[in-house]
Amino acid sequence: MATPRVVLITKADCYLCGEARDAVGRVTAALGLEWTEESVDNQPDLRERYAEEIPVVLVDGVQRDFWKIDEVRLERVLQRAMTQ
């Protein structure tokens, strides 16, 4: 079974980022996966790429969702990634 790399891109003072943390945490916990968080605040390249889409969820480096995280879709994506 493959272990997908889940990254949540956030920024300071972001209301949606808190909701995204909760959503990603619930989904990954249910699947027994870890996830990491990266902030655009000190990373100009990330800020330039994702400025208008924060928060963003990446799975294995591919953007899978932004703003409001759809937990059902994220779970489906992760389950698929785990079988590859």
Protein backbone atom coordinates (compact mmCIF):
# COMPACT_ATOMS: atom_id res chain seq x y z
CA MET A 1 0.00 0.00 0.00
CA ALA A 2 1.36 3.42 -0.98
CA THR A 3 1.50 6.26 1.52
CA PRO A 4 0.40 9.53 -0.08
CA ARG A 5 2.11 12.76 0.95
CA VAL A 6 -0.53 15.23 2.14
CA VAL A 7 0.43 18.91 2.46
CA LEU A 8 -1.83 21.76 3.53
CA ILE A 9 -0.67 25.18 2.30
CA THR A 10 -1.77 27.99 4.65
CA LYS A 11 -1.04 31.56 5.70
CA ALA A 12 -1.32 33.57 8.90
CA ASP A 13 -4.65 35.16 9.82
CA CYS A 14 -6.61 32.86 7.51
CA TYR A 15 -10.06 31.89 8.76
CA LEU A 16 -10.49 29.13 6.16
CA CYS A 17 -7.10 27.68 7.10
CA GLY A 18 -8.39 26.64 10.52
CA GLU A 19 -11.34 24.87 8.95
CA ALA A 20 -9.00 23.23 6.44
CA ARG A 21 -6.70 21.98 9.22
CA ASP A 22 -9.68 20.37 10.93
CA ALA A 23 -10.94 18.78 7.70
CA VAL A 24 -7.55 17.42 6.64
CA GLY A 25 -6.94 16.19 10.18
CA ARG A 26 -10.23 14.29 10.29
CA VAL A 27 -9.75 12.63 6.91
CA THR A 28 -6.12 11.67 7.40
CA ALA A 29 -6.75 10.39 10.94
CA ALA A 30 -9.57 8.17 9.70
CA LEU A 31 -7.20 6.68 7.11
CA GLY A 32 -4.21 6.43 9.46
CA LEU A 33 -2.17 8.96 7.48
CA GLU A 34 0.10 11.82 8.47
CA TRP A 35 0.00 15.30 6.93
CA THR A 36 2.15 18.40 7.03
CA GLU A 37 1.50 22.11 6.80
CA GLU A 38 3.48 24.72 4.91
CA SER A 39 2.91 28.46 5.21
CA VAL A 40 3.26 30.87 2.30
CA ASP A 41 4.24 33.60 4.76
CA ASN A 42 7.97 32.89 4.50
CA GLN A 43 8.03 31.17 1.13
CA PRO A 44 7.71 33.64 -1.77
CA ASP A 45 7.48 30.88 -4.38
CA LEU A 46 4.48 29.30 -2.63
CA ARG A 47 2.89 32.71 -2.04
CA GLU A 48 3.19 33.54 -5.74
CA ARG A 49 1.77 30.20 -6.86
CA TYR A 50 -1.13 29.90 -4.39
CA ALA A 51 -1.83 33.52 -3.37
CA GLU A 52 -5.53 33.55 -4.24
CA GLU A 53 -6.32 29.92 -3.39
CA ILE A 54 -5.23 29.56 0.26
CA PRO A 55 -5.78 27.11 1.89
CA VAL A 56 -4.68 24.47 -0.62
CA VAL A 57 -4.40 20.71 -0.22
CA LEU A 58 -1.71 18.89 -2.18
CA VAL A 59 -1.61 15.11 -2.47
CA ASP A 60 1.68 13.81 -3.79
CA GLY A 61 2.45 17.29 -5.10
CA VAL A 62 -0.82 17.68 -7.02
CA GLN A 63 -3.33 20.33 -6.01
CA ARG A 64 -6.54 18.55 -5.00
CA ASP A 65 -8.64 21.25 -3.34
CA PHE A 66 -8.60 24.84 -2.14
CA TRP A 67 -10.62 27.30 -0.03
CA LYS A 68 -13.26 24.96 1.44
CA ILE A 69 -11.88 21.44 1.69
CA ASP A 70 -14.32 18.74 0.54
CA GLU A 71 -13.70 15.89 2.97
CA VAL A 72 -15.48 13.28 0.85
CA ARG A 73 -13.42 14.16 -2.21
CA LEU A 74 -10.18 14.24 -0.20
CA GLU A 75 -10.91 10.83 1.29
CA ARG A 76 -11.62 9.41 -2.17
CA VAL A 77 -8.39 10.88 -3.58
CA LEU A 78 -6.36 9.51 -0.68
CA GLN A 79 -7.91 6.06 -0.88
CA ARG A 80 -7.11 5.93 -4.58
CA ALA A 81 -3.53 7.10 -3.92
CA MET A 82 -3.10 4.42 -1.26
CA THR A 83 -3.92 1.63 -3.72
CA GLN A 84 -1.36 2.67 -6.33
